[in-house]
């Protein structure tokens, strides 16, 4: 990964924070970390051995994502890897879902990744190089958790969108790659921060660690 510039969304906690710390130990990587929570984000950046630039931004807002792209290029000259990690769970069976429940899952789990892909793509096309990594979930492949119904649906959507974007872009720019990472249960604050609360991920049987997932992505 010689001289790689890596952008990570949702980097203030969980998988995003763990990935930042794993990559922050590599001397040939420069990081741009983005999330909404300023103090938490800056704390993660401080643990990255001076290799991380923190940008407070909301991945659910296209203008914020465009600002991250512009600021990352202004600081480092280019972007090599964009990791769409921002996301959130929900605890509600399908018969009880409201319009806002579904809209919230689409905004945070689908639109945030779509904005990331679309806004960084012109830069990647200009270089015919770049790698987008979208963090999905095993629930995007096998929808077995009824209480996570809208979350499962959003990750199915993300998976399809990623594959279609890959198929479109490779026709003209084969140097650009798109990858999906689909963890199982991860010992993070996912359950605690889910819309409508829910079971704690750390207390479920045999969870993966955020560091294990981060190592796979790295």
N, C-alpha and C. Protein backbone atom coordinates (compact mmCIF):
# COMPACT_ATOMS: atom_id res chain seq x y z
N UNK A 1 0.84 -1.20 0.00
CA UNK A 1 0.00 0.00 0.00
C UNK A 1 0.87 1.25 0.00
N UNK A 2 1.81 1.35 -0.92
CA UNK A 2 2.74 2.48 -0.95
C UNK A 2 2.00 3.79 -1.15
N UNK A 3 2.20 4.73 -0.21
CA UNK A 3 1.67 6.09 -0.32
C UNK A 3 0.17 6.13 -0.59
N UNK A 4 -0.58 5.28 0.08
CA UNK A 4 -2.02 5.24 -0.12
C UNK A 4 -2.71 6.30 0.75
N UNK A 5 -3.69 6.98 0.17
CA UNK A 5 -4.56 7.89 0.92
C UNK A 5 -5.91 7.21 1.04
N UNK A 6 -6.35 6.98 2.26
CA UNK A 6 -7.57 6.21 2.54
C UNK A 6 -8.55 7.09 3.29
N UNK A 7 -9.77 7.19 2.78
CA UNK A 7 -10.86 7.91 3.45
C UNK A 7 -11.78 6.89 4.09
N UNK A 8 -12.13 7.12 5.37
CA UNK A 8 -13.02 6.21 6.10
C UNK A 8 -14.18 7.02 6.65
N UNK A 9 -15.40 6.68 6.26
CA UNK A 9 -16.57 7.33 6.85
C UNK A 9 -17.01 6.53 8.08
N UNK A 10 -17.76 7.18 8.95
CA UNK A 10 -18.19 6.52 10.18
C UNK A 10 -17.00 6.08 11.01
N UNK A 11 -15.98 6.94 11.10
CA UNK A 11 -14.70 6.55 11.69
C UNK A 11 -14.59 6.85 13.18
N UNK A 12 -15.66 7.32 13.81
CA UNK A 12 -15.55 7.72 15.21
C UNK A 12 -15.71 6.56 16.19
N UNK A 13 -16.13 5.39 15.70
CA UNK A 13 -16.33 4.25 16.61
C UNK A 13 -16.41 2.97 15.78
N UNK A 14 -16.49 1.84 16.47
CA UNK A 14 -16.74 0.56 15.84
C UNK A 14 -15.70 0.17 14.80
N UNK A 15 -16.18 -0.41 13.70
CA UNK A 15 -15.29 -0.90 12.65
C UNK A 15 -14.46 0.24 12.06
N UNK A 16 -15.08 1.39 11.86
CA UNK A 16 -14.36 2.52 11.28
C UNK A 16 -13.18 2.97 12.13
N UNK A 17 -13.40 3.06 13.42
CA UNK A 17 -12.32 3.45 14.33
C UNK A 17 -11.23 2.39 14.37
N UNK A 18 -11.64 1.12 14.41
CA UNK A 18 -10.66 0.03 14.43
C UNK A 18 -9.83 0.02 13.16
N UNK A 19 -10.47 0.25 12.02
CA UNK A 19 -9.74 0.29 10.75
C UNK A 19 -8.76 1.45 10.73
N UNK A 20 -9.18 2.60 11.24
CA UNK A 20 -8.28 3.75 11.29
C UNK A 20 -7.03 3.42 12.10
N UNK A 21 -7.20 2.75 13.23
CA UNK A 21 -6.05 2.44 14.07
C UNK A 21 -5.14 1.39 13.43
N UNK A 22 -5.73 0.41 12.74
CA UNK A 22 -4.92 -0.59 12.04
C UNK A 22 -4.09 0.08 10.95
N UNK A 23 -4.73 0.92 10.12
CA UNK A 23 -4.02 1.57 9.03
C UNK A 23 -3.09 2.67 9.54
N UNK A 24 -3.45 3.26 10.68
CA UNK A 24 -2.62 4.32 11.25
C UNK A 24 -1.25 3.83 11.68
N UNK A 25 -1.10 2.54 11.84
CA UNK A 25 0.20 1.98 12.22
C UNK A 25 1.10 1.72 11.00
N UNK A 26 0.56 1.96 9.81
CA UNK A 26 1.33 1.74 8.58
C UNK A 26 1.93 3.06 8.12
N UNK A 27 3.22 3.07 7.93
CA UNK A 27 3.90 4.32 7.58
C UNK A 27 3.62 4.77 6.16
N UNK A 28 3.09 3.87 5.35
CA UNK A 28 2.85 4.23 3.95
C UNK A 28 1.38 4.56 3.68
N UNK A 29 0.63 4.88 4.73
CA UNK A 29 -0.78 5.21 4.59
C UNK A 29 -1.07 6.55 5.25
N UNK A 30 -1.81 7.41 4.55
CA UNK A 30 -2.35 8.64 5.13
C UNK A 30 -3.87 8.50 5.19
N UNK A 31 -4.46 8.96 6.26
CA UNK A 31 -5.88 8.74 6.51
C UNK A 31 -6.67 10.04 6.53
N UNK A 32 -7.88 9.97 6.00
CA UNK A 32 -8.88 11.01 6.20
C UNK A 32 -10.05 10.35 6.90
N UNK A 33 -10.34 10.79 8.10
CA UNK A 33 -11.40 10.19 8.91
C UNK A 33 -12.56 11.16 9.01
N UNK A 34 -13.77 10.65 8.81
CA UNK A 34 -14.93 11.52 8.87
C UNK A 34 -16.06 10.87 9.64
N UNK A 35 -16.77 11.69 10.39
CA UNK A 35 -17.95 11.28 11.16
C UNK A 35 -18.60 12.54 11.69
N UNK A 36 -19.75 12.38 12.33
CA UNK A 36 -20.46 13.55 12.85
C UNK A 36 -19.98 13.99 14.22
N UNK A 37 -19.52 13.05 15.04
CA UNK A 37 -19.17 13.35 16.42
C UNK A 37 -17.72 13.85 16.51
N UNK A 38 -17.57 15.15 16.71
CA UNK A 38 -16.26 15.79 16.65
C UNK A 38 -15.27 15.24 17.68
N UNK A 39 -15.67 15.19 18.94
CA UNK A 39 -14.74 14.77 19.99
C UNK A 39 -14.31 13.32 19.81
N UNK A 40 -15.27 12.45 19.53
CA UNK A 40 -14.94 11.04 19.34
C UNK A 40 -14.05 10.85 18.11
N UNK A 41 -14.35 11.58 17.05
CA UNK A 41 -13.56 11.46 15.82
C UNK A 41 -12.12 11.92 16.06
N UNK A 42 -11.96 13.04 16.72
CA UNK A 42 -10.62 13.55 16.97
C UNK A 42 -9.83 12.64 17.91
N UNK A 43 -10.52 11.98 18.83
CA UNK A 43 -9.85 11.02 19.70
C UNK A 43 -9.29 9.85 18.90
N UNK A 44 -10.06 9.37 17.93
CA UNK A 44 -9.56 8.29 17.06
C UNK A 44 -8.37 8.78 16.26
N UNK A 45 -8.47 9.98 15.72
CA UNK A 45 -7.37 10.52 14.91
C UNK A 45 -6.08 10.61 15.71
N UNK A 46 -6.20 10.95 17.00
CA UNK A 46 -5.00 11.05 17.83
C UNK A 46 -4.34 9.70 18.06
N UNK A 47 -5.09 8.62 17.89
CA UNK A 47 -4.52 7.29 18.08
C UNK A 47 -3.89 6.73 16.80
N UNK A 48 -3.80 7.54 15.78
CA UNK A 48 -3.30 7.07 14.48
C UNK A 48 -1.90 7.58 14.18
N UNK A 49 -1.12 7.83 15.20
CA UNK A 49 0.30 8.17 15.03
C UNK A 49 0.53 9.36 14.10
N UNK A 50 -0.36 10.33 14.17
CA UNK A 50 -0.17 11.54 13.38
C UNK A 50 -0.44 11.38 11.90
N UNK A 51 -1.05 10.27 11.49
CA UNK A 51 -1.28 10.01 10.06
C UNK A 51 -2.73 10.25 9.64
N UNK A 52 -3.53 10.83 10.54
CA UNK A 52 -4.96 10.98 10.24
C UNK A 52 -5.38 12.44 10.27
N UNK A 53 -6.16 12.81 9.29
CA UNK A 53 -6.78 14.13 9.21
C UNK A 53 -8.28 13.95 9.44
N UNK A 54 -8.82 14.59 10.46
CA UNK A 54 -10.23 14.42 10.83
C UNK A 54 -11.08 15.52 10.20
N UNK A 55 -12.21 15.12 9.62
CA UNK A 55 -13.17 16.07 9.05
C UNK A 55 -14.55 15.75 9.61
N UNK A 56 -15.12 16.67 10.35
CA UNK A 56 -16.47 16.47 10.87
C UNK A 56 -17.45 16.68 9.73
N UNK A 57 -18.23 15.65 9.44
CA UNK A 57 -19.17 15.71 8.31
C UNK A 57 -20.24 14.65 8.51
N UNK A 58 -21.37 14.86 7.87
CA UNK A 58 -22.50 13.94 7.93
C UNK A 58 -22.59 13.20 6.60
N UNK A 59 -22.34 11.90 6.62
CA UNK A 59 -22.34 11.11 5.38
C UNK A 59 -23.71 11.02 4.74
N UNK A 60 -24.76 11.42 5.46
CA UNK A 60 -26.11 11.42 4.90
C UNK A 60 -26.40 12.68 4.10
N UNK A 61 -25.45 13.60 4.06
CA UNK A 61 -25.62 14.85 3.32
C UNK A 61 -24.62 14.89 2.16
N UNK A 62 -25.14 14.94 0.96
CA UNK A 62 -24.28 14.91 -0.22
C UNK A 62 -23.25 16.04 -0.20
N UNK A 63 -23.68 17.23 0.19
CA UNK A 63 -22.75 18.36 0.22
C UNK A 63 -21.60 18.11 1.18
N UNK A 64 -21.87 17.47 2.30
CA UNK A 64 -20.80 17.15 3.24
C UNK A 64 -19.82 16.14 2.64
N UNK A 65 -20.35 15.14 1.94
CA UNK A 65 -19.49 14.12 1.32
C UNK A 65 -18.62 14.77 0.25
N UNK A 66 -19.20 15.66 -0.54
CA UNK A 66 -18.42 16.36 -1.57
C UNK A 66 -17.31 17.19 -0.92
N UNK A 67 -17.62 17.80 0.22
CA UNK A 67 -16.61 18.59 0.94
C UNK A 67 -15.46 17.71 1.42
N UNK A 68 -15.77 16.50 1.87
CA UNK A 68 -14.71 15.58 2.30
C UNK A 68 -13.81 15.22 1.13
N UNK A 69 -14.39 14.93 -0.02
CA UNK A 69 -13.59 14.63 -1.21
C UNK A 69 -12.66 15.79 -1.53
N UNK A 70 -13.21 16.98 -1.57
CA UNK A 70 -12.42 18.16 -1.93
C UNK A 70 -11.30 18.42 -0.92
N UNK A 71 -11.63 18.29 0.36
CA UNK A 71 -10.63 18.57 1.39
C UNK A 71 -9.53 17.51 1.41
N UNK A 72 -9.91 16.26 1.18
CA UNK A 72 -8.91 15.19 1.15
C UNK A 72 -7.93 15.40 -0.01
N UNK A 73 -8.45 15.76 -1.19
CA UNK A 73 -7.58 15.99 -2.34
C UNK A 73 -6.71 17.23 -2.13
N UNK A 74 -7.31 18.27 -1.52
CA UNK A 74 -6.53 19.48 -1.26
C UNK A 74 -5.38 19.20 -0.31
N UNK A 75 -5.59 18.33 0.66
CA UNK A 75 -4.55 18.06 1.65
C UNK A 75 -3.49 17.09 1.13
N UNK A 76 -3.91 16.01 0.46
CA UNK A 76 -2.98 14.95 0.10
C UNK A 76 -2.72 14.83 -1.41
N UNK A 77 -3.48 15.54 -2.22
CA UNK A 77 -3.26 15.51 -3.65
C UNK A 77 -4.06 14.47 -4.41
N UNK A 78 -4.50 13.43 -3.72
CA UNK A 78 -5.28 12.38 -4.36
C UNK A 78 -5.93 11.52 -3.29
N UNK A 79 -6.82 10.63 -3.73
CA UNK A 79 -7.45 9.62 -2.89
C UNK A 79 -7.26 8.28 -3.58
N UNK A 80 -6.86 7.27 -2.83
CA UNK A 80 -6.69 5.93 -3.38
C UNK A 80 -7.84 4.99 -3.01
N UNK A 81 -8.29 5.08 -1.77
CA UNK A 81 -9.31 4.15 -1.27
C UNK A 81 -10.37 4.94 -0.52
N UNK A 82 -11.63 4.60 -0.79
CA UNK A 82 -12.76 5.24 -0.08
C UNK A 82 -13.55 4.12 0.59
N UNK A 83 -13.63 4.16 1.91
CA UNK A 83 -14.35 3.14 2.68
C UNK A 83 -15.67 3.71 3.17
N UNK A 84 -16.77 3.22 2.61
CA UNK A 84 -18.11 3.62 3.06
C UNK A 84 -18.49 2.72 4.24
N UNK A 85 -18.25 3.23 5.43
CA UNK A 85 -18.49 2.45 6.64
C UNK A 85 -19.64 2.99 7.48
N UNK A 86 -20.05 4.24 7.25
CA UNK A 86 -21.13 4.82 8.05
C UNK A 86 -22.39 3.96 7.92
N UNK A 87 -23.04 3.71 9.04
CA UNK A 87 -24.25 2.89 9.01
C UNK A 87 -24.89 2.81 10.38
N UNK A 88 -26.11 2.28 10.41
CA UNK A 88 -26.85 2.16 11.67
C UNK A 88 -27.84 1.02 11.56
N UNK A 89 -28.14 0.40 12.69
CA UNK A 89 -29.13 -0.66 12.73
C UNK A 89 -30.50 -0.17 13.15
N UNK A 90 -31.43 -1.08 13.19
CA UNK A 90 -32.80 -0.79 13.64
C UNK A 90 -33.36 -2.05 14.27
N UNK A 91 -34.22 -1.86 15.25
CA UNK A 91 -34.86 -2.99 15.92
C UNK A 91 -36.37 -2.82 15.81
N UNK A 92 -36.96 -3.45 14.78
CA UNK A 92 -38.42 -3.37 14.59
C UNK A 92 -38.82 -4.38 13.53
N UNK A 93 -39.82 -5.23 13.81
CA UNK A 93 -40.26 -6.21 12.80
C UNK A 93 -40.97 -5.52 11.64
N UNK A 94 -41.05 -6.18 10.49
CA UNK A 94 -41.57 -5.50 9.30
C UNK A 94 -43.01 -5.02 9.42
N UNK A 95 -43.83 -5.73 10.21
CA UNK A 95 -45.23 -5.31 10.33
C UNK A 95 -45.39 -3.98 11.07
N UNK A 96 -44.35 -3.54 11.78
CA UNK A 96 -44.43 -2.32 12.57
C UNK A 96 -43.60 -1.17 12.01
N UNK A 97 -42.97 -1.38 10.88
CA UNK A 97 -42.12 -0.33 10.32
C UNK A 97 -42.92 0.90 9.92
N UNK A 98 -42.38 2.06 10.22
CA UNK A 98 -42.99 3.32 9.81
C UNK A 98 -42.24 3.87 8.59
N UNK A 99 -42.83 4.89 7.97
CA UNK A 99 -42.15 5.54 6.85
C UNK A 99 -40.79 6.05 7.29
N UNK A 100 -40.73 6.66 8.47
CA UNK A 100 -39.47 7.23 8.94
C UNK A 100 -38.44 6.14 9.21
N UNK A 101 -38.86 4.97 9.72
CA UNK A 101 -37.94 3.87 9.93
C UNK A 101 -37.23 3.49 8.63
N UNK A 102 -38.03 3.31 7.58
CA UNK A 102 -37.48 2.89 6.29
C UNK A 102 -36.61 4.00 5.70
N UNK A 103 -37.11 5.25 5.78
CA UNK A 103 -36.34 6.37 5.25
C UNK A 103 -34.99 6.50 5.97
N UNK A 104 -35.01 6.30 7.27
CA UNK A 104 -33.76 6.42 8.04
C UNK A 104 -32.74 5.38 7.61
N UNK A 105 -33.18 4.14 7.39
CA UNK A 105 -32.26 3.10 6.96
C UNK A 105 -31.72 3.37 5.56
N UNK A 106 -32.57 3.91 4.69
CA UNK A 106 -32.10 4.24 3.34
C UNK A 106 -31.08 5.38 3.38
N UNK A 107 -31.34 6.37 4.23
CA UNK A 107 -30.42 7.50 4.29
C UNK A 107 -29.04 7.08 4.79
N UNK A 108 -28.99 6.36 5.88
CA UNK A 108 -27.70 6.08 6.51
C UNK A 108 -26.98 4.90 5.90
N UNK A 109 -27.70 3.89 5.44
CA UNK A 109 -27.05 2.67 4.95
C UNK A 109 -26.92 2.60 3.43
N UNK A 110 -27.74 3.36 2.71
CA UNK A 110 -27.69 3.32 1.25
C UNK A 110 -27.21 4.65 0.67
N UNK A 111 -27.91 5.73 1.01
CA UNK A 111 -27.57 7.01 0.40
C UNK A 111 -26.17 7.47 0.77
N UNK A 112 -25.74 7.22 2.01
CA UNK A 112 -24.39 7.64 2.41
C UNK A 112 -23.35 6.96 1.53
N UNK A 113 -23.54 5.68 1.24
CA UNK A 113 -22.60 4.96 0.37
C UNK A 113 -22.72 5.43 -1.07
N UNK A 114 -23.95 5.67 -1.53
CA UNK A 114 -24.14 6.16 -2.89
C UNK A 114 -23.44 7.51 -3.08
N UNK A 115 -23.61 8.41 -2.10
CA UNK A 115 -22.94 9.71 -2.18
C UNK A 115 -21.43 9.53 -2.24
N UNK A 116 -20.90 8.65 -1.39
CA UNK A 116 -19.46 8.42 -1.41
C UNK A 116 -18.98 7.93 -2.75
N UNK A 117 -19.66 6.94 -3.31
CA UNK A 117 -19.26 6.40 -4.61
C UNK A 117 -19.35 7.45 -5.70
N UNK A 118 -20.46 8.17 -5.74
CA UNK A 118 -20.66 9.15 -6.82
C UNK A 118 -19.71 10.33 -6.71
N UNK A 119 -19.46 10.80 -5.50
CA UNK A 119 -18.65 12.01 -5.35
C UNK A 119 -17.16 11.75 -5.55
N UNK A 120 -16.68 10.56 -5.21
CA UNK A 120 -15.25 10.27 -5.42
C UNK A 120 -14.99 9.74 -6.83
N UNK A 121 -16.03 9.31 -7.53
CA UNK A 121 -15.85 8.66 -8.82
C UNK A 121 -15.18 9.55 -9.88
N UNK A 122 -15.53 10.82 -10.01
CA UNK A 122 -14.83 11.64 -11.03
C UNK A 122 -13.32 11.68 -10.79
N UNK A 123 -12.90 11.76 -9.52
CA UNK A 123 -11.47 11.76 -9.20
C UNK A 123 -10.84 10.43 -9.58
N UNK A 124 -11.51 9.33 -9.26
CA UNK A 124 -10.99 8.01 -9.62
C UNK A 124 -10.93 7.84 -11.13
N UNK A 125 -11.95 8.33 -11.83
CA UNK A 125 -11.96 8.20 -13.30
C UNK A 125 -10.82 8.99 -13.92
N UNK A 126 -10.53 10.15 -13.37
CA UNK A 126 -9.44 10.96 -13.91
C UNK A 126 -8.10 10.25 -13.80
N UNK A 127 -7.99 9.36 -12.82
CA UNK A 127 -6.74 8.62 -12.61
C UNK A 127 -6.83 7.19 -13.14
N UNK A 128 -8.03 6.75 -13.53
CA UNK A 128 -8.31 5.34 -13.84
C UNK A 128 -7.74 4.44 -12.75
N UNK A 129 -7.96 4.85 -11.52
CA UNK A 129 -7.46 4.09 -10.38
C UNK A 129 -8.26 4.49 -9.15
N UNK A 130 -8.45 3.55 -8.27
CA UNK A 130 -9.17 3.82 -7.02
C UNK A 130 -9.91 2.58 -6.58
N UNK A 131 -10.25 2.56 -5.32
CA UNK A 131 -10.91 1.39 -4.75
C UNK A 131 -11.97 1.87 -3.76
N UNK A 132 -13.21 1.50 -4.00
CA UNK A 132 -14.30 1.76 -3.07
C UNK A 132 -14.58 0.47 -2.30
N UNK A 133 -14.63 0.56 -0.99
CA UNK A 133 -14.97 -0.59 -0.16
C UNK A 133 -16.24 -0.24 0.62
N UNK A 134 -17.31 -0.96 0.37
CA UNK A 134 -18.58 -0.74 1.06
C UNK A 134 -18.76 -1.79 2.16
N UNK A 135 -18.98 -1.30 3.37
CA UNK A 135 -19.18 -2.22 4.50
C UNK A 135 -20.65 -2.58 4.59
N UNK A 136 -20.95 -3.81 4.26
CA UNK A 136 -22.32 -4.32 4.29
C UNK A 136 -22.50 -5.19 5.54
N UNK A 137 -23.20 -6.30 5.39
CA UNK A 137 -23.48 -7.18 6.52
C UNK A 137 -23.90 -8.54 5.98
N UNK A 138 -23.66 -9.58 6.75
CA UNK A 138 -24.16 -10.90 6.37
C UNK A 138 -25.68 -10.87 6.25
N UNK A 139 -26.33 -9.93 6.96
CA UNK A 139 -27.79 -9.79 6.86
C UNK A 139 -28.21 -9.24 5.50
N UNK A 140 -27.26 -8.68 4.77
CA UNK A 140 -27.56 -8.25 3.40
C UNK A 140 -27.58 -9.41 2.43
N UNK A 141 -27.10 -10.57 2.87
CA UNK A 141 -27.12 -11.78 2.05
C UNK A 141 -28.17 -12.77 2.54
N UNK A 142 -28.31 -12.88 3.87
CA UNK A 142 -29.24 -13.84 4.47
C UNK A 142 -30.09 -13.09 5.49
N UNK A 143 -31.32 -12.72 5.16
CA UNK A 143 -32.15 -11.91 6.07
C UNK A 143 -32.83 -12.76 7.15
N UNK A 144 -32.04 -13.16 8.15
CA UNK A 144 -32.58 -14.09 9.15
C UNK A 144 -32.97 -13.41 10.47
N UNK A 145 -32.76 -12.12 10.61
CA UNK A 145 -33.10 -11.44 11.87
C UNK A 145 -34.33 -10.57 11.64
N UNK A 146 -35.48 -11.05 12.10
CA UNK A 146 -36.75 -10.36 11.85
C UNK A 146 -36.73 -8.94 12.41
N UNK A 147 -36.13 -8.76 13.58
CA UNK A 147 -36.11 -7.43 14.19
C UNK A 147 -35.23 -6.46 13.42
N UNK A 148 -34.40 -6.97 12.53
CA UNK A 148 -33.53 -6.12 11.72
C UNK A 148 -34.06 -5.98 10.29
N UNK A 149 -35.36 -6.09 10.12
CA UNK A 149 -35.96 -6.18 8.79
C UNK A 149 -35.53 -5.05 7.85
N UNK A 150 -35.68 -3.81 8.27
CA UNK A 150 -35.35 -2.70 7.39
C UNK A 150 -33.84 -2.59 7.20
N UNK A 151 -33.07 -2.98 8.19
CA UNK A 151 -31.61 -3.00 8.07
C UNK A 151 -31.20 -4.04 7.02
N UNK A 152 -31.78 -5.24 7.09
CA UNK A 152 -31.51 -6.27 6.09
C UNK A 152 -31.81 -5.75 4.69
N UNK A 153 -32.95 -5.10 4.54
CA UNK A 153 -33.36 -4.59 3.24
C UNK A 153 -32.37 -3.55 2.73
N UNK A 154 -31.92 -2.67 3.63
CA UNK A 154 -30.99 -1.61 3.21
C UNK A 154 -29.65 -2.21 2.77
N UNK A 155 -29.21 -3.26 3.44
CA UNK A 155 -27.94 -3.88 3.06
C UNK A 155 -28.08 -4.71 1.77
N UNK A 156 -29.25 -5.32 1.53
CA UNK A 156 -29.51 -5.94 0.23
C UNK A 156 -29.38 -4.89 -0.88
N UNK A 157 -29.98 -3.74 -0.63
CA UNK A 157 -29.94 -2.64 -1.59
C UNK A 157 -28.50 -2.22 -1.83
N UNK A 158 -27.73 -2.05 -0.75
CA UNK A 158 -26.33 -1.65 -0.87
C UNK A 158 -25.53 -2.67 -1.69
N UNK A 159 -25.77 -3.95 -1.43
CA UNK A 159 -25.05 -4.98 -2.18
C UNK A 159 -25.33 -4.87 -3.68
N UNK A 160 -26.61 -4.75 -4.03
CA UNK A 160 -26.98 -4.65 -5.44
C UNK A 160 -26.40 -3.40 -6.08
N UNK A 161 -26.47 -2.29 -5.36
CA UNK A 161 -25.96 -1.02 -5.87
C UNK A 161 -24.45 -1.11 -6.13
N UNK A 162 -23.74 -1.75 -5.23
CA UNK A 162 -22.30 -1.89 -5.38
C UNK A 162 -21.96 -2.71 -6.62
N UNK A 163 -22.66 -3.82 -6.80
CA UNK A 163 -22.39 -4.69 -7.94
C UNK A 163 -22.73 -3.97 -9.26
N UNK A 164 -23.83 -3.24 -9.29
CA UNK A 164 -24.21 -2.53 -10.50
C UNK A 164 -23.23 -1.39 -10.81
N UNK A 165 -22.75 -0.70 -9.77
CA UNK A 165 -21.77 0.35 -9.97
C UNK A 165 -20.48 -0.24 -10.51
N UNK A 166 -20.06 -1.37 -9.98
CA UNK A 166 -18.86 -2.06 -10.47
C UNK A 166 -19.01 -2.41 -11.95
N UNK A 167 -20.17 -2.98 -12.31
CA UNK A 167 -20.39 -3.38 -13.70
C UNK A 167 -20.38 -2.18 -14.65
N UNK A 168 -20.98 -1.07 -14.20
CA UNK A 168 -21.00 0.13 -15.04
C UNK A 168 -19.60 0.69 -15.25
N UNK A 169 -18.86 0.85 -14.17
CA UNK A 169 -17.58 1.55 -14.22
C UNK A 169 -16.51 0.73 -14.92
N UNK A 170 -16.52 -0.58 -14.73
CA UNK A 170 -15.44 -1.40 -15.31
C UNK A 170 -15.45 -1.37 -16.84
N UNK A 171 -16.60 -1.02 -17.46
CA UNK A 171 -16.66 -0.97 -18.92
C UNK A 171 -15.74 0.11 -19.49
N UNK A 172 -15.58 1.21 -18.77
CA UNK A 172 -14.77 2.32 -19.27
C UNK A 172 -13.51 2.56 -18.45
N UNK A 173 -13.52 2.15 -17.17
CA UNK A 173 -12.39 2.42 -16.28
C UNK A 173 -12.07 1.16 -15.47
N UNK A 174 -11.42 0.19 -16.10
CA UNK A 174 -11.15 -1.08 -15.42
C UNK A 174 -10.18 -0.98 -14.25
N UNK A 175 -9.52 0.18 -14.10
CA UNK A 175 -8.60 0.33 -12.98
C UNK A 175 -9.28 0.67 -11.67
N UNK A 176 -10.58 0.88 -11.71
CA UNK A 176 -11.33 1.23 -10.49
C UNK A 176 -12.03 -0.01 -9.96
N UNK A 177 -11.87 -0.26 -8.67
CA UNK A 177 -12.42 -1.47 -8.05
C UNK A 177 -13.51 -1.12 -7.03
N UNK A 178 -14.46 -2.04 -6.89
CA UNK A 178 -15.52 -1.91 -5.89
C UNK A 178 -15.61 -3.22 -5.13
N UNK A 179 -15.55 -3.15 -3.81
CA UNK A 179 -15.60 -4.35 -2.97
C UNK A 179 -16.68 -4.22 -1.91
N UNK A 180 -17.22 -5.37 -1.53
CA UNK A 180 -18.15 -5.47 -0.40
C UNK A 180 -17.50 -6.27 0.72
N UNK A 181 -17.68 -5.82 1.94
CA UNK A 181 -17.28 -6.58 3.12
C UNK A 181 -18.55 -6.83 3.93
N UNK A 182 -18.79 -8.09 4.27
CA UNK A 182 -20.06 -8.46 4.92
C UNK A 182 -19.80 -9.17 6.25
N UNK A 183 -19.56 -8.43 7.32
CA UNK A 183 -19.32 -9.06 8.62
C UNK A 183 -20.57 -9.71 9.18
N UNK A 184 -20.36 -10.61 10.13
CA UNK A 184 -21.47 -11.14 10.92
C UNK A 184 -21.70 -10.24 12.12
N UNK A 185 -22.03 -10.82 13.26
CA UNK A 185 -22.21 -10.03 14.48
C UNK A 185 -20.84 -9.52 14.94
N UNK A 186 -20.76 -8.22 15.18
CA UNK A 186 -19.50 -7.61 15.58
C UNK A 186 -19.69 -6.96 16.96
N UNK A 187 -18.71 -7.15 17.82
CA UNK A 187 -18.79 -6.63 19.19
C UNK A 187 -18.51 -5.13 19.20
N UNK A 188 -19.55 -4.35 18.86
CA UNK A 188 -19.46 -2.89 18.86
C UNK A 188 -20.69 -2.34 19.58
N UNK A 189 -20.90 -1.03 19.44
CA UNK A 189 -22.08 -0.40 20.03
C UNK A 189 -23.28 -0.45 19.07
N UNK A 190 -23.24 -1.33 18.08
CA UNK A 190 -24.28 -1.41 17.06
C UNK A 190 -25.67 -1.57 17.69
N UNK A 191 -25.81 -2.54 18.60
CA UNK A 191 -27.11 -2.77 19.20
C UNK A 191 -27.59 -1.59 20.03
N UNK A 192 -26.68 -1.01 20.80
CA UNK A 192 -27.02 0.12 21.66
C UNK A 192 -27.45 1.33 20.86
N UNK A 193 -26.80 1.56 19.71
CA UNK A 193 -27.09 2.75 18.92
C UNK A 193 -28.16 2.53 17.86
N UNK A 194 -28.71 1.32 17.77
CA UNK A 194 -29.73 1.03 16.76
C UNK A 194 -30.99 1.86 17.02
N UNK A 195 -31.66 2.22 15.95
CA UNK A 195 -32.93 2.91 16.06
C UNK A 195 -33.90 2.02 16.85
N UNK A 196 -34.53 2.55 17.88
CA UNK A 196 -35.43 1.83 18.78
C UNK A 196 -34.70 0.87 19.72
N UNK A 197 -33.40 1.06 19.88
CA UNK A 197 -32.65 0.22 20.82
C UNK A 197 -32.47 -1.18 20.30
N UNK A 198 -32.30 -2.13 21.22
CA UNK A 198 -32.16 -3.51 20.79
C UNK A 198 -31.10 -4.25 21.56
N UNK A 199 -30.92 -5.54 21.28
CA UNK A 199 -29.95 -6.35 22.00
C UNK A 199 -28.52 -5.88 21.75
N UNK A 200 -27.68 -5.99 22.76
CA UNK A 200 -26.30 -5.55 22.65
C UNK A 200 -25.49 -6.56 21.85
N UNK A 201 -24.79 -6.08 20.84
CA UNK A 201 -23.98 -6.95 20.00
C UNK A 201 -22.91 -7.67 20.81
N UNK A 202 -22.36 -6.99 21.80
CA UNK A 202 -21.27 -7.57 22.60
C UNK A 202 -21.74 -8.77 23.41
N UNK A 203 -23.05 -8.86 23.65
CA UNK A 203 -23.57 -9.94 24.48
C UNK A 203 -24.11 -11.11 23.68
N UNK A 204 -24.04 -11.02 22.35
CA UNK A 204 -24.52 -12.12 21.52
C UNK A 204 -23.43 -13.19 21.39
N UNK A 205 -23.80 -14.42 21.08
CA UNK A 205 -22.83 -15.52 21.04
C UNK A 205 -21.75 -15.32 19.98
N UNK A 206 -20.51 -15.49 20.37
CA UNK A 206 -19.36 -15.52 19.46
C UNK A 206 -19.29 -14.35 18.48
N UNK A 207 -19.35 -13.12 18.97
CA UNK A 207 -19.23 -12.00 18.03
C UNK A 207 -17.80 -11.85 17.53
N UNK A 208 -17.67 -11.33 16.31
CA UNK A 208 -16.35 -10.93 15.82
C UNK A 208 -15.94 -9.65 16.53
N UNK A 209 -14.66 -9.40 16.60
CA UNK A 209 -14.20 -8.11 17.11
C UNK A 209 -14.12 -7.12 15.96
N UNK A 210 -14.23 -5.83 16.29
CA UNK A 210 -14.08 -4.80 15.27
C UNK A 210 -12.68 -4.87 14.66
N UNK A 211 -11.70 -5.25 15.46
CA UNK A 211 -10.32 -5.36 14.97
C UNK A 211 -10.18 -6.48 13.95
N UNK A 212 -10.90 -7.59 14.15
CA UNK A 212 -10.86 -8.69 13.17
C UNK A 212 -11.41 -8.21 11.82
N UNK A 213 -12.51 -7.50 11.85
CA UNK A 213 -13.10 -6.99 10.60
C UNK A 213 -12.17 -5.98 9.96
N UNK A 214 -11.60 -5.09 10.78
CA UNK A 214 -10.68 -4.08 10.27
C UNK A 214 -9.49 -4.73 9.56
N UNK A 215 -9.00 -5.82 10.12
CA UNK A 215 -7.85 -6.51 9.51
C UNK A 215 -8.21 -7.07 8.13
N UNK A 216 -9.43 -7.58 7.99
CA UNK A 216 -9.88 -8.07 6.68
C UNK A 216 -9.94 -6.93 5.68
N UNK A 217 -10.50 -5.81 6.07
CA UNK A 217 -10.60 -4.67 5.17
C UNK A 217 -9.21 -4.16 4.80
N UNK A 218 -8.34 -4.06 5.79
CA UNK A 218 -6.97 -3.55 5.55
C UNK A 218 -6.23 -4.47 4.58
